[in-house]
C-alpha atoms as a PDB file:
ATOM      1  CA  UNK A   1      18.008  11.295  10.115  1.00  0.00           C
ATOM      2  CA  UNK A   2      14.532   9.670  10.237  1.00  0.00           C
ATOM      3  CA  UNK A   3      11.951  10.675   7.835  1.00  0.00           C
ATOM      4  CA  UNK A   4       7.899   9.928   7.687  1.00  0.00           C
ATOM      5  CA  UNK A   5       5.922  10.989   4.817  1.00  0.00           C
ATOM      6  CA  UNK A   6       2.390  10.644   4.137  1.00  0.00           C
ATOM      7  CA  UNK A   7       1.509  11.546   0.371  1.00  0.00           C
ATOM      8  CA  UNK A   8      -1.915  10.189   0.226  1.00  0.00           C
ATOM      9  CA  UNK A   9      -4.514   8.410   2.775  1.00  0.00           C
ATOM     10  CA  UNK A  10      -7.609   7.912   2.169  1.00  0.00           C
ATOM     11  CA  UNK A  11      -9.968   5.819   0.213  1.00  0.00           C
ATOM     12  CA  UNK A  12      -8.938   6.929  -3.242  1.00  0.00           C
ATOM     13  CA  UNK A  13      -5.140   6.267  -2.878  1.00  0.00           C
ATOM     14  CA  UNK A  14      -3.072   5.389  -0.233  1.00  0.00           C
ATOM     15  CA  UNK A  15       1.241   6.021   0.002  1.00  0.00           C
ATOM     16  CA  UNK A  16       3.917   7.080   2.258  1.00  0.00           C
ATOM     17  CA  UNK A  17       7.726   6.903   2.064  1.00  0.00           C
ATOM     18  CA  UNK A  18       9.568   5.935   5.008  1.00  0.00           C
ATOM     19  CA  UNK A  19      13.600   7.188   5.161  1.00  0.00           C
ATOM     20  CA  UNK A  20      16.465   6.380   7.734  1.00  0.00           C
ATOM     21  CA  UNK A  21      19.747   5.956   6.853  1.00  0.00           C
ATOM     22  CA  UNK A  22      20.448   5.426   3.389  1.00  0.00           C
ATOM     23  CA  UNK A  23      17.105   3.860   2.740  1.00  0.00           C
ATOM     24  CA  UNK A  24      13.742   4.855   1.871  1.00  0.00           C
ATOM     25  CA  UNK A  25      10.495   2.883   1.358  1.00  0.00           C
ATOM     26  CA  UNK A  26       7.674   3.452  -0.497  1.00  0.00           C
ATOM     27  CA  UNK A  27       4.848   2.036   1.657  1.00  0.00           C
ATOM     28  CA  UNK A  28       1.755   0.988  -1.155  1.00  0.00           C
ATOM     29  CA  UNK A  29       1.391   3.072  -4.492  1.00  0.00           C
ATOM     30  CA  UNK A  30      -2.247   3.644  -4.159  1.00  0.00           C
ATOM     31  CA  UNK A  31      -2.061   6.991  -6.475  1.00  0.00           C
ATOM     32  CA  UNK A  32      -0.949   6.761 -10.274  1.00  0.00           C
ATOM     33  CA  UNK A  33       2.892   7.180 -11.041  1.00  0.00           C
ATOM     34  CA  UNK A  34       2.240  10.849 -12.164  1.00  0.00           C
ATOM     35  CA  UNK A  35       0.775  12.023  -9.110  1.00  0.00           C
ATOM     36  CA  UNK A  36       2.937  10.363  -7.134  1.00  0.00           C
ATOM     37  CA  UNK A  37       5.687  11.762  -8.314  1.00  0.00           C
ATOM     38  CA  UNK A  38       4.088  15.080  -7.962  1.00  0.00           C
ATOM     39  CA  UNK A  39       2.937  14.225  -4.472  1.00  0.00           C
ATOM     40  CA  UNK A  40       6.749  13.479  -3.721  1.00  0.00           C
ATOM     41  CA  UNK A  41       7.810  16.977  -5.865  1.00  0.00           C
ATOM     42  CA  UNK A  42       5.778  19.080  -3.517  1.00  0.00           C
ATOM     43  CA  UNK A  43       6.850  17.050   0.121  1.00  0.00           C
ATOM     44  CA  UNK A  44      10.672  17.539  -1.092  1.00  0.00           C
ATOM     45  CA  UNK A  45      10.745  13.645  -1.358  1.00  0.00           C
ATOM     46  CA  UNK A  46      12.691  12.637  -5.162  1.00  0.00           C
ATOM     47  CA  UNK A  47      11.497   9.586  -6.555  1.00  0.00           C
ATOM     48  CA  UNK A  48      15.148   8.884  -7.359  1.00  0.00           C
ATOM     49  CA  UNK A  49      16.077   7.913  -3.708  1.00  0.00           C
ATOM     50  CA  UNK A  50      13.556   5.023  -3.547  1.00  0.00           C
ATOM     51  CA  UNK A  51      14.942   1.850  -2.862  1.00  0.00           C
ATOM     52  CA  UNK A  52      12.095  -0.492  -2.826  1.00  0.00           C
ATOM     53  CA  UNK A  53       7.842  -0.434  -2.549  1.00  0.00           C
ATOM     54  CA  UNK A  54       6.412  -2.720   0.284  1.00  0.00           C
ATOM     55  CA  UNK A  55       2.462  -3.146  -0.195  1.00  0.00           C
ATOM     56  CA  UNK A  56       0.180  -4.007   2.687  1.00  0.00           C
ATOM     57  CA  UNK A  57      -2.651  -5.847   0.836  1.00  0.00           C
ATOM     58  CA  UNK A  58      -3.803  -6.071  -2.620  1.00  0.00           C
ATOM     59  CA  UNK A  59      -6.931  -3.152  -2.749  1.00  0.00           C
ATOM     60  CA  UNK A  60      -6.855  -0.921  -5.678  1.00  0.00           C
ATOM     61  CA  UNK A  61      -6.249   2.067  -3.663  1.00  0.00           C
ATOM     62  CA  UNK A  62      -3.053   0.395  -2.400  1.00  0.00           C
ATOM     63  CA  UNK A  63      -1.433  -0.891  -5.219  1.00  0.00           C
ATOM     64  CA  UNK A  64      -2.983   1.692  -8.073  1.00  0.00           C
ATOM     65  CA  UNK A  65       0.164   3.156  -9.383  1.00  0.00           C
ATOM     66  CA  UNK A  66       2.391  -0.365  -8.180  1.00  0.00           C
ATOM     67  CA  UNK A  67       3.922  -1.493 -11.551  1.00  0.00           C
ATOM     68  CA  UNK A  68       4.334   1.673 -13.241  1.00  0.00           C
ATOM     69  CA  UNK A  69       6.488   3.687 -10.572  1.00  0.00           C
ATOM     70  CA  UNK A  70       8.060   0.115  -9.466  1.00  0.00           C
ATOM     71  CA  UNK A  71       9.121  -0.139 -13.329  1.00  0.00           C
ATOM     72  CA  UNK A  72       9.921   3.382 -13.971  1.00  0.00           C
ATOM     73  CA  UNK A  73      12.472   3.771 -10.836  1.00  0.00           C
ATOM     74  CA  UNK A  74      13.730  -0.128 -11.647  1.00  0.00           C
ATOM     75  CA  UNK A  75      13.028  -1.166  -7.965  1.00  0.00           C
ATOM     76  CA  UNK A  76      12.249  -4.051  -6.489  1.00  0.00           C
ATOM     77  CA  UNK A  77       8.479  -4.655  -4.561  1.00  0.00           C
ATOM     78  CA  UNK A  78       7.987  -6.349  -1.588  1.00  0.00           C
ATOM     79  CA  UNK A  79       4.744  -8.461  -1.118  1.00  0.00           C
ATOM     80  CA  UNK A  80       3.180 -11.711   1.122  1.00  0.00           C
ATOM     81  CA  UNK A  81       3.433 -14.662  -1.483  1.00  0.00           C
ATOM     82  CA  UNK A  82      -0.883 -14.354  -1.182  1.00  0.00           C
ATOM     83  CA  UNK A  83      -0.705 -10.654  -1.786  1.00  0.00           C
ATOM     84  CA  UNK A  84       1.396 -11.233  -4.686  1.00  0.00           C
ATOM     85  CA  UNK A  85      -1.038 -13.823  -6.541  1.00  0.00           C
ATOM     86  CA  UNK A  86      -3.993 -11.308  -6.023  1.00  0.00           C
ATOM     87  CA  UNK A  87      -2.578  -8.384  -7.656  1.00  0.00           C
ATOM     88  CA  UNK A  88      -1.484 -10.545 -10.603  1.00  0.00           C
ATOM     89  CA  UNK A  89      -4.979 -11.740 -10.324  1.00  0.00           C
ATOM     90  CA  UNK A  90      -6.199  -8.210 -10.489  1.00  0.00           C
ATOM     91  CA  UNK A  91      -4.396  -7.166 -13.632  1.00  0.00           C
ATOM     92  CA  UNK A  92      -4.675 -10.048 -15.417  1.00  0.00           C
ATOM     93  CA  UNK A  93      -8.349 -11.358 -14.634  1.00  0.00           C
ATOM     94  CA  UNK A  94      -9.065 -13.381 -17.526  1.00  0.00           C
ATOM     95  CA  UNK A  95      -5.852 -15.438 -18.574  1.00  0.00           C
ATOM     96  CA  UNK A  96      -5.554 -18.769 -17.826  1.00  0.00           C
ATOM     97  CA  UNK A  97      -2.093 -19.461 -16.125  1.00  0.00           C
ATOM     98  CA  UNK A  98      -0.981 -20.684 -12.855  1.00  0.00           C
ATOM     99  CA  UNK A  99       0.730 -18.840 -10.446  1.00  0.00           C
ATOM    100  CA  UNK A 100       3.505 -21.847 -11.066  1.00  0.00           C
ATOM    101  CA  UNK A 101       2.986 -21.305 -14.976  1.00  0.00           C
ATOM    102  CA  UNK A 102       3.991 -17.794 -14.531  1.00  0.00           C
ATOM    103  CA  UNK A 103       6.641 -18.002 -12.772  1.00  0.00           C
ATOM    104  CA  UNK A 104       7.873 -20.302 -15.155  1.00  0.00           C
ATOM    105  CA  UNK A 105       7.031 -17.494 -17.863  1.00  0.00           C
ATOM    106  CA  UNK A 106       8.803 -14.689 -15.740  1.00  0.00           C
ATOM    107  CA  UNK A 107      12.516 -17.347 -15.949  1.00  0.00           C
ATOM    108  CA  UNK A 108      12.284 -17.486 -18.870  1.00  0.00           C
ATOM    109  CA  UNK A 109      11.355 -13.271 -19.752  1.00  0.00           C
ATOM    110  CA  UNK A 110      14.967 -12.880 -17.865  1.00  0.00           C
ATOM    111  CA  UNK A 111      17.012 -13.141 -20.472  1.00  0.00           C
ATOM    112  CA  UNK A 112      15.222 -10.735 -22.739  1.00  0.00           C
ATOM    113  CA  UNK A 113      15.399  -8.591 -19.618  1.00  0.00           C
ATOM    114  CA  UNK A 114      18.946  -8.844 -19.022  1.00  0.00           C
ATOM    115  CA  UNK A 115      19.414  -7.926 -22.521  1.00  0.00           C
ATOM    116  CA  UNK A 116      17.314  -4.642 -22.659  1.00  0.00           C
ATOM    117  CA  UNK A 117      18.004  -0.646 -21.845  1.00  0.00           C
ATOM    118  CA  UNK A 118      17.077   0.249 -18.376  1.00  0.00           C
ATOM    119  CA  UNK A 119      16.006   3.569 -18.365  1.00  0.00           C
ATOM    120  CA  UNK A 120      18.100   5.370 -15.207  1.00  0.00           C
ATOM    121  CA  UNK A 121      15.944   5.760 -12.338  1.00  0.00           C
ATOM    122  CA  UNK A 122      17.570   9.985 -12.054  1.00  0.00           C
ATOM    123  CA  UNK A 123      15.869  10.307 -15.526  1.00  0.00           C
ATOM    124  CA  UNK A 124      12.177   9.045 -14.726  1.00  0.00           C
ATOM    125  CA  UNK A 125       9.663  12.224 -14.902  1.00  0.00           C
ATOM    126  CA  UNK A 126       6.178  12.884 -14.843  1.00  0.00           C
ATOM    127  CA  UNK A 127       5.410  12.402 -18.480  1.00  0.00           C
ATOM    128  CA  UNK A 128       7.066   8.940 -18.360  1.00  0.00           C
ATOM    129  CA  UNK A 129       4.881   8.267 -16.086  1.00  0.00           C
ATOM    130  CA  UNK A 130       1.858   9.196 -18.273  1.00  0.00           C
ATOM    131  CA  UNK A 131       3.320   7.419 -21.074  1.00  0.00           C
ATOM    132  CA  UNK A 132       3.636   3.961 -19.116  1.00  0.00           C
ATOM    133  CA  UNK A 133       0.660   4.345 -17.711  1.00  0.00           C
ATOM    134  CA  UNK A 134      -1.372   4.382 -21.049  1.00  0.00           C
ATOM    135  CA  UNK A 135       0.983   1.500 -21.928  1.00  0.00           C
ATOM    136  CA  UNK A 136      -0.016  -0.699 -19.275  1.00  0.00           C
ATOM    137  CA  UNK A 137      -3.689   0.265 -19.699  1.00  0.00           C
ATOM    138  CA  UNK A 138      -3.231  -0.639 -23.976  1.00  0.00           C
ATOM    139  CA  UNK A 139      -1.163  -3.873 -22.974  1.00  0.00           C
ATOM    140  CA  UNK A 140      -3.919  -5.078 -20.373  1.00  0.00           C
ATOM    141  CA  UNK A 141      -6.540  -4.922 -23.199  1.00  0.00           C
ATOM    142  CA  UNK A 142      -4.039  -6.575 -25.114  1.00  0.00           C
ATOM    143  CA  UNK A 143      -3.848  -9.096 -22.332  1.00  0.00           C
ATOM    144  CA  UNK A 144      -7.511  -9.947 -21.959  1.00  0.00           C
ATOM    145  CA  UNK A 145      -8.094 -10.575 -25.808  1.00  0.00           C
ATOM    146  CA  UNK A 146      -5.033 -12.938 -25.914  1.00  0.00           C
ATOM    147  CA  UNK A 147      -6.722 -14.763 -22.817  1.00  0.00           C
ATOM    148  CA  UNK A 148      -9.952 -15.162 -24.566  1.00  0.00           C
ATOM    149  CA  UNK A 149      -8.265 -16.561 -27.711  1.00  0.00           C
ATOM    150  CA  UNK A 150      -6.322 -18.766 -25.717  1.00  0.00           C
ATOM    151  CA  UNK A 151      -9.074 -20.245 -23.584  1.00  0.00           C
ATOM    152  CA  UNK A 152     -11.419 -20.388 -27.210  1.00  0.00           C
ATOM    153  CA  UNK A 153      -8.663 -22.702 -28.783  1.00  0.00           C
ATOM    154  CA  UNK A 154      -8.014 -26.476 -27.580  1.00  0.00           C
ATOM    155  CA  UNK A 155      -5.440 -28.838 -28.461  1.00  0.00           C
ATOM    156  CA  UNK A 156      -5.654 -31.981 -29.692  1.00  0.00           C
ATOM    157  CA  UNK A 157      -6.102 -33.263 -26.124  1.00  0.00           C
ATOM    158  CA  UNK A 158      -8.965 -30.882 -25.974  1.00  0.00           C
ATOM    159  CA  UNK A 159      -7.282 -29.063 -23.005  1.00  0.00           C
ATOM    160  CA  UNK A 160      -6.843 -25.032 -24.003  1.00  0.00           C
ATOM    161  CA  UNK A 161      -3.594 -24.477 -25.305  1.00  0.00           C
ATOM    162  CA  UNK A 162      -0.572 -22.715 -22.661  1.00  0.00           C
ATOM    163  CA  UNK A 163      -0.692 -19.307 -23.249  1.00  0.00           C
ATOM    164  CA  UNK A 164       2.243 -17.858 -25.400  1.00  0.00           C
ATOM    165  CA  UNK A 165       4.769 -15.749 -23.052  1.00  0.00           C
ATOM    166  CA  UNK A 166       4.110 -12.041 -23.208  1.00  0.00           C
ATOM    167  CA  UNK A 167       7.553  -9.661 -23.378  1.00  0.00           C
ATOM    168  CA  UNK A 168       8.012  -7.911 -20.507  1.00  0.00           C
ATOM    169  CA  UNK A 169       6.983  -4.605 -21.831  1.00  0.00           C
ATOM    170  CA  UNK A 170       3.458  -5.763 -23.002  1.00  0.00           C
ATOM    171  CA  UNK A 171       2.901  -7.711 -19.663  1.00  0.00           C
ATOM    172  CA  UNK A 172       1.312  -5.339 -16.569  1.00  0.00           C
ATOM    173  CA  UNK A 173       2.494  -7.843 -14.181  1.00  0.00           C
ATOM    174  CA  UNK A 174       6.512  -7.479 -14.763  1.00  0.00           C
ATOM    175  CA  UNK A 175       8.080  -5.924 -12.318  1.00  0.00           C
ATOM    176  CA  UNK A 176      12.249  -5.030 -12.034  1.00  0.00           C
ATOM    177  CA  UNK A 177      12.174  -7.254  -8.864  1.00  0.00           C
ATOM    178  CA  UNK A 178      10.088  -9.132  -6.371  1.00  0.00           C
ATOM    179  CA  UNK A 179      11.048 -10.376  -2.610  1.00  0.00           C
ATOM    180  CA  UNK A 180       8.336 -11.912  -0.440  1.00  0.00           C
ATOM    181  CA  UNK A 181       8.038 -11.602   2.887  1.00  0.00           C
ATOM    182  CA  UNK A 182       5.610 -13.336   6.214  1.00  0.00           C
ATOM    183  CA  UNK A 183       3.947 -11.346   8.832  1.00  0.00           C
ATOM    184  CA  UNK A 184       5.210 -12.025  12.194  1.00  0.00           C
ATOM    185  CA  UNK A 185       8.452 -12.628  10.616  1.00  0.00           C
ATOM    186  CA  UNK A 186      10.986  -9.087  10.806  1.00  0.00           C
ATOM    187  CA  UNK A 187      13.655  -8.924   7.756  1.00  0.00           C
ATOM    188  CA  UNK A 188      15.733  -6.327   6.869  1.00  0.00           C
ATOM    189  CA  UNK A 189      15.530  -3.146   3.780  1.00  0.00           C
ATOM    190  CA  UNK A 190      18.863  -1.600   3.768  1.00  0.00           C
ATOM    191  CA  UNK A 191      19.143   0.415   6.651  1.00  0.00           C
ATOM    192  CA  UNK A 192      15.511  -0.244   7.791  1.00  0.00           C
ATOM    193  CA  UNK A 193      14.205  -3.150  10.347  1.00  0.00           C
ATOM    194  CA  UNK A 194      10.789  -3.808   8.836  1.00  0.00           C
ATOM    195  CA  UNK A 195       8.449  -6.125  11.314  1.00  0.00           C
ATOM    196  CA  UNK A 196       5.120  -7.347   9.608  1.00  0.00           C
ATOM    197  CA  UNK A 197       2.041  -8.224  11.323  1.00  0.00           C
ATOM    198  CA  UNK A 198      -1.208  -9.862  10.242  1.00  0.00           C
ATOM    199  CA  UNK A 199      -4.344  -7.273  10.513  1.00  0.00           C
ATOM    200  CA  UNK A 200      -8.165  -8.024  10.562  1.00  0.00           C
ATOM    201  CA  UNK A 201      -9.341  -6.811   6.599  1.00  0.00           C
ATOM    202  CA  UNK A 202     -11.262  -8.467   3.702  1.00  0.00           C
ATOM    203  CA  UNK A 203      -8.015  -9.261   1.448  1.00  0.00           C
ATOM    204  CA  UNK A 204      -6.072 -12.366   0.947  1.00  0.00           C
ATOM    205  CA  UNK A 205      -3.397 -11.706   3.255  1.00  0.00           C
ATOM    206  CA  UNK A 206      -3.616  -7.825   4.909  1.00  0.00           C
ATOM    207  CA  UNK A 207      -0.281  -6.600   6.561  1.00  0.00           C
ATOM    208  CA  UNK A 208       0.710  -3.453   9.146  1.00  0.00           C
ATOM    209  CA  UNK A 209       4.261  -2.540   9.656  1.00  0.00           C
ATOM    210  CA  UNK A 210       6.603  -1.572  12.306  1.00  0.00           C
ATOM    211  CA  UNK A 211       9.717   0.253  10.675  1.00  0.00           C
ATOM    212  CA  UNK A 212      12.783   0.628  12.715  1.00  0.00           C
ATOM    213  CA  UNK A 213      15.612   3.076  12.047  1.00  0.00           C
ATOM    214  CA  UNK A 214      18.082   4.692  13.992  1.00  0.00           C
ATOM    215  CA  UNK A 215      16.129   3.686  17.119  1.00  0.00           C
ATOM    216  CA  UNK A 216      13.538   5.458  15.705  1.00  0.00           C
ATOM    217  CA  UNK A 217       9.831   3.015  15.790  1.00  0.00           C
ATOM    218  CA  UNK A 218       7.048   3.976  13.011  1.00  0.00           C
ATOM    219  CA  UNK A 219       4.045   2.211  13.049  1.00  0.00           C
ATOM    220  CA  UNK A 220       1.273   1.808   9.920  1.00  0.00           C
ATOM    221  CA  UNK A 221      -1.873   0.215  10.774  1.00  0.00           C
ATOM    222  CA  UNK A 222      -4.905   1.052   8.731  1.00  0.00           C
ATOM    223  CA  UNK A 223      -7.358  -0.879   6.953  1.00  0.00           C
ATOM    224  CA  UNK A 224      -8.353  -3.107  10.017  1.00  0.00           C
ATOM    225  CA  UNK A 225     -11.884  -3.822  11.273  1.00  0.00           C
ATOM    226  CA  UNK A 226     -11.058  -3.800  14.744  1.00  0.00           C
ATOM    227  CA  UNK A 227      -7.849  -3.752  17.005  1.00  0.00           C
ATOM    228  CA  UNK A 228      -6.810  -7.219  18.125  1.00  0.00           C
ATOM    229  CA  UNK A 229      -4.497  -8.479  20.792  1.00  0.00           C
ATOM    230  CA  UNK A 230      -1.189  -8.895  18.140  1.00  0.00           C
ATOM    231  CA  UNK A 231      -1.840  -5.502  16.437  1.00  0.00           C
ATOM    232  CA  UNK A 232      -2.303  -3.609  20.354  1.00  0.00           C
ATOM    233  CA  UNK A 233       1.401  -5.683  20.874  1.00  0.00           C
ATOM    234  CA  UNK A 234       2.703  -4.181  17.882  1.00  0.00           C
ATOM    235  CA  UNK A 235       2.257  -0.892  18.620  1.00  0.00           C
ATOM    236  CA  UNK A 236       3.906  -0.448  22.197  1.00  0.00           C
ATOM    237  CA  UNK A 237       6.802   1.277  22.316  1.00  0.00           C
ATOM    238  CA  UNK A 238       6.075   3.083  18.931  1.00  0.00           C
ATOM    239  CA  UNK A 239       7.414   6.457  18.325  1.00  0.00           C
ATOM    240  CA  UNK A 240       5.113   7.504  15.859  1.00  0.00           C
ATOM    241  CA  UNK A 241       1.762   6.057  15.148  1.00  0.00           C
ATOM    242  CA  UNK A 242      -0.379   5.842  11.701  1.00  0.00           C
ATOM    243  CA  UNK A 243      -3.805   4.558  12.815  1.00  0.00           C
ATOM    244  CA  UNK A 244      -7.346   4.286  11.283  1.00  0.00           C
ATOM    245  CA  UNK A 245      -9.687   6.143  11.561  1.00  0.00           C
ATOM    246  CA  UNK A 246     -12.136   5.973   8.717  1.00  0.00           C
ATOM    247  CA  UNK A 247     -15.792   7.136   9.110  1.00  0.00           C
ATOM    248  CA  UNK A 248     -18.230   8.087  11.822  1.00  0.00           C
ATOM    249  CA  UNK A 249     -20.703   5.359  13.065  1.00  0.00           C
ATOM    250  CA  UNK A 250     -23.912   7.690  12.208  1.00  0.00           C
ATOM    251  CA  UNK A 251     -22.517   9.363   8.783  1.00  0.00           C
ATOM    252  CA  UNK A 252     -22.087   6.223   7.683  1.00  0.00           C
ATOM    253  CA  UNK A 253     -25.539   4.542   8.846  1.00  0.00           C
ATOM    254  CA  UNK A 254     -27.047   7.444   6.635  1.00  0.00           C
ATOM    255  CA  UNK A 255     -24.792   7.854   4.175  1.00  0.00           C
ATOM    256  CA  UNK A 256     -24.942   6.710   0.372  1.00  0.00           C
ATOM    257  CA  UNK A 257     -23.001   3.494   0.512  1.00  0.00           C
ATOM    258  CA  UNK A 258     -25.521   0.897  -0.601  1.00  0.00           C
ATOM    259  CA  UNK A 259     -25.942  -1.510   2.965  1.00  0.00           C
ATOM    260  CA  UNK A 260     -24.430  -4.646   1.973  1.00  0.00           C
ATOM    261  CA  UNK A 261     -20.829  -1.819   1.389  1.00  0.00           C
ATOM    262  CA  UNK A 262     -22.011  -0.328   4.710  1.00  0.00           C
ATOM    263  CA  UNK A 263     -22.386  -3.896   6.420  1.00  0.00           C
ATOM    264  CA  UNK A 264     -18.716  -4.595   4.927  1.00  0.00           C
ATOM    265  CA  UNK A 265     -16.815  -1.382   6.541  1.00  0.00           C
ATOM    266  CA  UNK A 266     -18.720  -2.480   9.902  1.00  0.00           C
ATOM    267  CA  UNK A 267     -17.948  -5.725   9.698  1.00  0.00           C
ATOM    268  CA  UNK A 268     -14.833  -7.239  11.617  1.00  0.00           C
ATOM    269  CA  UNK A 269     -12.678  -7.273   8.976  1.00  0.00           C
ATOM    270  CA  UNK A 270     -13.819  -3.607   7.313  1.00  0.00           C
ATOM    271  CA  UNK A 271     -12.453  -0.108   9.241  1.00  0.00           C
ATOM    272  CA  UNK A 272     -12.248   1.398  12.412  1.00  0.00           C
ATOM    273  CA  UNK A 273     -14.765   3.442  13.325  1.00  0.00           C
ATOM    274  CA  UNK A 274     -13.902   7.236  14.979  1.00  0.00           C
ATOM    275  CA  UNK A 275     -15.174   5.318  18.157  1.00  0.00           C
ATOM    276  CA  UNK A 276     -13.125   2.274  17.511  1.00  0.00           C
ATOM    277  CA  UNK A 277     -10.220   4.090  17.334  1.00  0.00           C
ATOM    278  CA  UNK A 278     -11.072   6.660  20.279  1.00  0.00           C
ATOM    279  CA  UNK A 279     -11.275   3.094  22.231  1.00  0.00           C
ATOM    280  CA  UNK A 280      -7.797   2.142  21.703  1.00  0.00           C
ATOM    281  CA  UNK A 281      -5.973   5.102  22.585  1.00  0.00           C
ATOM    282  CA  UNK A 282      -8.193   5.303  25.647  1.00  0.00           C
ATOM    283  CA  UNK A 283      -7.530   2.049  26.828  1.00  0.00           C
ATOM    284  CA  UNK A 284      -4.952   0.222  25.160  1.00  0.00           C
ATOM    285  CA  UNK A 285      -2.440   2.715  23.557  1.00  0.00           C
ATOM    286  CA  UNK A 286       0.417   3.100  25.966  1.00  0.00           C
ATOM    287  CA  UNK A 287       0.850   6.973  24.968  1.00  0.00           C
ATOM    288  CA  UNK A 288       4.295   6.920  23.627  1.00  0.00           C
ATOM    289  CA  UNK A 289       4.173   7.992  20.487  1.00  0.00           C
ATOM    290  CA  UNK A 290       5.634  11.225  19.653  1.00  0.00           C
ATOM    291  CA  UNK A 291       3.103  11.940  17.177  1.00  0.00           C
ATOM    292  CA  UNK A 292      -0.712  10.190  16.418  1.00  0.00           C
ATOM    293  CA  UNK A 293      -1.705  10.484  12.882  1.00  0.00           C
ATOM    294  CA  UNK A 294      -5.367   9.569  11.961  1.00  0.00           C
ATOM    295  CA  UNK A 295      -5.320   8.009   8.291  1.00  0.00           C
ATOM    296  CA  UNK A 296      -7.624   6.548   5.868  1.00  0.00           C
ATOM    297  CA  UNK A 297     -10.459   9.235   6.538  1.00  0.00           C
ATOM    298  CA  UNK A 298     -13.528   8.932   4.664  1.00  0.00           C
ATOM    299  CA  UNK A 299     -14.732  11.230   2.317  1.00  0.00           C
ATOM    300  CA  UNK A 300     -18.218  10.295   2.836  1.00  0.00           C
ATOM    301  CA  UNK A 301     -18.836   8.843   6.078  1.00  0.00           C
ATOM    302  CA  UNK A 302     -16.325  11.060   8.081  1.00  0.00           C
ATOM    303  CA  UNK A 303     -15.401  15.105   8.627  1.00  0.00           C
ATOM    304  CA  UNK A 304     -11.997  15.485  10.116  1.00  0.00           C
ATOM    305  CA  UNK A 305     -13.570  17.802  13.099  1.00  0.00           C
ATOM    306  CA  UNK A 306     -15.215  14.243  14.508  1.00  0.00           C
ATOM    307  CA  UNK A 307     -12.188  11.831  13.858  1.00  0.00           C
ATOM    308  CA  UNK A 308     -10.214  14.672  15.461  1.00  0.00           C
ATOM    309  CA  UNK A 309     -12.476  15.399  18.386  1.00  0.00           C
ATOM    310  CA  UNK A 310     -12.954  11.920  19.234  1.00  0.00           C
ATOM    311  CA  UNK A 311      -8.905  10.787  19.356  1.00  0.00           C
ATOM    312  CA  UNK A 312      -8.260  14.345  21.259  1.00  0.00           C
ATOM    313  CA  UNK A 313     -10.774  13.069  24.185  1.00  0.00           C
ATOM    314  CA  UNK A 314      -9.290   9.825  24.091  1.00  0.00           C
ATOM    315  CA  UNK A 315      -5.761  10.786  24.553  1.00  0.00           C
ATOM    316  CA  UNK A 316      -7.168  12.507  27.149  1.00  0.00           C
ATOM    317  CA  UNK A 317      -4.872  15.879  27.943  1.00  0.00           C
ATOM    318  CA  UNK A 318      -1.600  13.497  26.960  1.00  0.00           C
ATOM    319  CA  UNK A 319      -1.342  15.560  23.460  1.00  0.00           C
ATOM    320  CA  UNK A 320       1.604  18.059  23.636  1.00  0.00           C
ATOM    321  CA  UNK A 321       4.446  19.410  21.423  1.00  0.00           C
ATOM    322  CA  UNK A 322       6.684  16.800  23.208  1.00  0.00           C
ATOM    323  CA  UNK A 323       4.035  13.731  22.521  1.00  0.00           C
ATOM    324  CA  UNK A 324       1.086  12.477  21.070  1.00  0.00           C
ATOM    325  CA  UNK A 325       1.000  15.492  18.619  1.00  0.00           C
ATOM    326  CA  UNK A 326      -2.528  14.950  16.661  1.00  0.00           C
ATOM    327  CA  UNK A 327      -1.948  14.661  12.896  1.00  0.00           C
ATOM    328  CA  UNK A 328      -4.474  14.042  10.372  1.00  0.00           C
ATOM    329  CA  UNK A 329      -3.584  12.844   6.751  1.00  0.00           C
ATOM    330  CA  UNK A 330      -5.545  13.732   4.122  1.00  0.00           C
ATOM    331  CA  UNK A 331      -6.639  12.505   0.507  1.00  0.00           C
ATOM    332  CA  UNK A 332      -5.427  15.360  -1.710  1.00  0.00           C
ATOM    333  CA  UNK A 333      -2.124  16.681  -0.254  1.00  0.00           C
ATOM    334  CA  UNK A 334       1.125  15.276   1.456  1.00  0.00           C
ATOM    335  CA  UNK A 335       1.406  15.713   5.137  1.00  0.00           C
ATOM    336  CA  UNK A 336       4.204  18.025   6.330  1.00  0.00           C
ATOM    337  CA  UNK A 337       7.598  15.390   6.423  1.00  0.00           C
ATOM    338  CA  UNK A 338       7.974  13.996  10.239  1.00  0.00           C
ATOM    339  CA  UNK A 339      11.408  14.261  10.965  1.00  0.00           C
ATOM    340  CA  UNK A 340      13.412  12.893  13.934  1.00  0.00           C
END
């Protein structure tokens, strides 16, 4: 059975579970570990059954609970290499350490991790998540202080001394396992085939995904300023499409955001408006999907009714019980699981 569950979609956090065969993948972890587990319980999903986390890009609303969740469940995280570097810099922005030095530190820590007792994934609970999040915040403060101290102390040659490796328990960048992928190169996670593709967004290496399991193709395409030809090609022949419909143009222009933020959202590396999404659905979408889910709706610059009406007009009567069923993902509660 194939299952697609949107746990959250919006500027405050994004996360989706894709299940196929015996494999379950968490796409982004934009909520805290505690909140992710709560949403999973509401949706009938068991956190202990997750096999991996895969990341679209490094913006906070997509990776907020990433480290804690991966460590709590003991599962690997899949990034592009550039996104991994950006995530690491976000957690330790003031550490004077190159990426090469960080990889070497990870190798040195491997022996220590092997000797540690790993908490079984089945024992994961909301209370444990809460404690781990507090520990991570404390570790981040300690890392910043350590970085300031090491920057102030220079060796005999006038260069700063290399920082001492942190223990895994104090390093917020430590993950049970890291796997890298590249946009345009399909790969496999268990029973699910993953096709990552480049999207236009203001992140270092943002991607969307097409997941293929048991003959079902599911696409995730949010956080993109426009729909370029490569994305249009990837979204053909999918059975489920999660597509961004971020803002209403008039609401954004008249809304509370500073002008520079409005310019960013409106740019070709920003977010799709209702009009842009409707244009794609009307002119480039092949009409093949059973479900079309509108996601990443702005709470400040959009209304669900506006997004829905715009998309319905674009689909032009193609929506039915058997094809192009239009759904809206929300920020504050999970969407009912979709089964194939």
